[in-house]
């Protein structure tokens, strides 16, 4: 079962292993790698998991989501200021 990073009871320090990430994204390990390269998820904090697998924390994922949201908002504002039109 995937970790719910939006659940307030889940601590920011909770470790997210590669298997958790695969479950959260509903993809394979290669899909996780693609998500990293496409900036959908952050780079792992280390590779100290079981057998040297990558790990993240819930806090990293939460901060990443806020960061991506802020970038999308900034892009929308720039577009609006440039065209005075909303783009959906």
C-alpha atoms as a PDB file:
ATOM      1  CA  UNK A   1       0.000   0.000   0.000  1.00  0.00           C
ATOM      2  CA  UNK A   2       1.332   3.422  -0.976  1.00  0.00           C
ATOM      3  CA  UNK A   3       2.120   6.082   1.580  1.00  0.00           C
ATOM      4  CA  UNK A   4      -0.404   8.924   1.457  1.00  0.00           C
ATOM      5  CA  UNK A   5       1.788  12.028   1.536  1.00  0.00           C
ATOM      6  CA  UNK A   6      -1.316  14.199   1.924  1.00  0.00           C
ATOM      7  CA  UNK A   7      -2.341  12.480   5.164  1.00  0.00           C
ATOM      8  CA  UNK A   8      -1.537  14.905   8.017  1.00  0.00           C
ATOM      9  CA  UNK A   9      -0.791  12.010  10.389  1.00  0.00           C
ATOM     10  CA  UNK A  10       2.157  10.935   8.197  1.00  0.00           C
ATOM     11  CA  UNK A  11       5.304  12.663   9.457  1.00  0.00           C
ATOM     12  CA  UNK A  12       7.602  14.612   7.137  1.00  0.00           C
ATOM     13  CA  UNK A  13      10.464  12.389   8.295  1.00  0.00           C
ATOM     14  CA  UNK A  14       8.730   9.200   7.073  1.00  0.00           C
ATOM     15  CA  UNK A  15      11.049   7.407   4.636  1.00  0.00           C
ATOM     16  CA  UNK A  16       9.694   6.665   1.170  1.00  0.00           C
ATOM     17  CA  UNK A  17      11.430   3.663  -0.402  1.00  0.00           C
ATOM     18  CA  UNK A  18      11.450   2.857  -4.110  1.00  0.00           C
ATOM     19  CA  UNK A  19       8.642   0.321  -3.649  1.00  0.00           C
ATOM     20  CA  UNK A  20       6.510   3.011  -1.988  1.00  0.00           C
ATOM     21  CA  UNK A  21       7.268   5.415  -4.833  1.00  0.00           C
ATOM     22  CA  UNK A  22       6.340   2.779  -7.425  1.00  0.00           C
ATOM     23  CA  UNK A  23       3.010   2.262  -5.630  1.00  0.00           C
ATOM     24  CA  UNK A  24       2.347   6.006  -5.316  1.00  0.00           C
ATOM     25  CA  UNK A  25       2.995   6.556  -9.025  1.00  0.00           C
ATOM     26  CA  UNK A  26       1.502   3.231 -10.167  1.00  0.00           C
ATOM     27  CA  UNK A  27       4.558   2.510 -12.261  1.00  0.00           C
ATOM     28  CA  UNK A  28       7.693   0.395 -12.548  1.00  0.00           C
ATOM     29  CA  UNK A  29      11.159   1.291 -11.299  1.00  0.00           C
ATOM     30  CA  UNK A  30      11.910   2.590 -14.788  1.00  0.00           C
ATOM     31  CA  UNK A  31       8.798   4.766 -14.515  1.00  0.00           C
ATOM     32  CA  UNK A  32      10.170   6.257 -11.286  1.00  0.00           C
ATOM     33  CA  UNK A  33      13.458   6.991 -13.070  1.00  0.00           C
ATOM     34  CA  UNK A  34      11.557   8.688 -15.905  1.00  0.00           C
ATOM     35  CA  UNK A  35       9.539  10.713 -13.372  1.00  0.00           C
ATOM     36  CA  UNK A  36      12.806  11.958 -11.815  1.00  0.00           C
ATOM     37  CA  UNK A  37      14.283  12.881 -15.206  1.00  0.00           C
ATOM     38  CA  UNK A  38      11.049  14.656 -16.204  1.00  0.00           C
ATOM     39  CA  UNK A  39      10.994  16.596 -12.905  1.00  0.00           C
ATOM     40  CA  UNK A  40       7.716  15.010 -11.786  1.00  0.00           C
ATOM     41  CA  UNK A  41       9.363  13.956  -8.523  1.00  0.00           C
ATOM     42  CA  UNK A  42      12.581  15.163  -6.848  1.00  0.00           C
ATOM     43  CA  UNK A  43      15.919  13.401  -6.936  1.00  0.00           C
ATOM     44  CA  UNK A  44      16.201  10.899  -4.068  1.00  0.00           C
ATOM     45  CA  UNK A  45      18.005  12.093  -0.952  1.00  0.00           C
ATOM     46  CA  UNK A  46      20.304   9.058  -0.971  1.00  0.00           C
ATOM     47  CA  UNK A  47      20.668   5.461  -2.023  1.00  0.00           C
ATOM     48  CA  UNK A  48      20.975   3.980   1.442  1.00  0.00           C
ATOM     49  CA  UNK A  49      17.817   1.892   1.247  1.00  0.00           C
ATOM     50  CA  UNK A  50      17.744  -1.871   1.140  1.00  0.00           C
ATOM     51  CA  UNK A  51      20.428  -3.015  -1.329  1.00  0.00           C
ATOM     52  CA  UNK A  52      21.335   0.589  -2.152  1.00  0.00           C
ATOM     53  CA  UNK A  53      17.920   1.624  -3.402  1.00  0.00           C
ATOM     54  CA  UNK A  54      16.911   5.297  -3.600  1.00  0.00           C
ATOM     55  CA  UNK A  55      14.967   6.919  -0.764  1.00  0.00           C
ATOM     56  CA  UNK A  56      12.988  10.077  -0.254  1.00  0.00           C
ATOM     57  CA  UNK A  57      11.095  11.496   2.711  1.00  0.00           C
ATOM     58  CA  UNK A  58       7.433  12.460   2.827  1.00  0.00           C
ATOM     59  CA  UNK A  59       8.572  16.005   3.599  1.00  0.00           C
ATOM     60  CA  UNK A  60      10.614  16.088   0.382  1.00  0.00           C
ATOM     61  CA  UNK A  61       7.587  15.040  -1.625  1.00  0.00           C
ATOM     62  CA  UNK A  62       5.350  17.616   0.054  1.00  0.00           C
ATOM     63  CA  UNK A  63       7.853  20.422  -0.526  1.00  0.00           C
ATOM     64  CA  UNK A  64       8.323  19.307  -4.135  1.00  0.00           C
ATOM     65  CA  UNK A  65       4.566  19.487  -4.747  1.00  0.00           C
ATOM     66  CA  UNK A  66       4.469  23.019  -3.321  1.00  0.00           C
ATOM     67  CA  UNK A  67       7.491  24.007  -5.444  1.00  0.00           C
ATOM     68  CA  UNK A  68       5.927  22.633  -8.647  1.00  0.00           C
ATOM     69  CA  UNK A  69       2.634  24.344  -7.806  1.00  0.00           C
ATOM     70  CA  UNK A  70       4.401  27.678  -7.276  1.00  0.00           C
ATOM     71  CA  UNK A  71       6.223  27.351 -10.619  1.00  0.00           C
ATOM     72  CA  UNK A  72       2.954  26.582 -12.407  1.00  0.00           C
ATOM     73  CA  UNK A  73       1.313  29.595 -10.763  1.00  0.00           C
ATOM     74  CA  UNK A  74       4.209  31.867 -11.757  1.00  0.00           C
ATOM     75  CA  UNK A  75       3.989  30.630 -15.367  1.00  0.00           C
ATOM     76  CA  UNK A  76       0.232  31.269 -15.395  1.00  0.00           C
ATOM     77  CA  UNK A  77       0.708  34.784 -14.040  1.00  0.00           C
ATOM     78  CA  UNK A  78       3.405  35.554 -16.639  1.00  0.00           C
ATOM     79  CA  UNK A  79       1.136  34.262 -19.396  1.00  0.00           C
ATOM     80  CA  UNK A  80      -1.809  36.288 -18.138  1.00  0.00           C
ATOM     81  CA  UNK A  81       0.250  39.476 -17.823  1.00  0.00           C
ATOM     82  CA  UNK A  82       1.589  38.976 -21.333  1.00  0.00           C
ATOM     83  CA  UNK A  83      -1.718  38.165 -23.049  1.00  0.00           C
ATOM     84  CA  UNK A  84      -4.373  39.202 -20.538  1.00  0.00           C
ATOM     85  CA  UNK A  85      -6.035  35.878 -21.390  1.00  0.00           C
ATOM     86  CA  UNK A  86      -6.435  32.750 -19.321  1.00  0.00           C
ATOM     87  CA  UNK A  87      -5.125  29.524 -20.780  1.00  0.00           C
ATOM     88  CA  UNK A  88      -6.720  26.213 -19.835  1.00  0.00           C
END
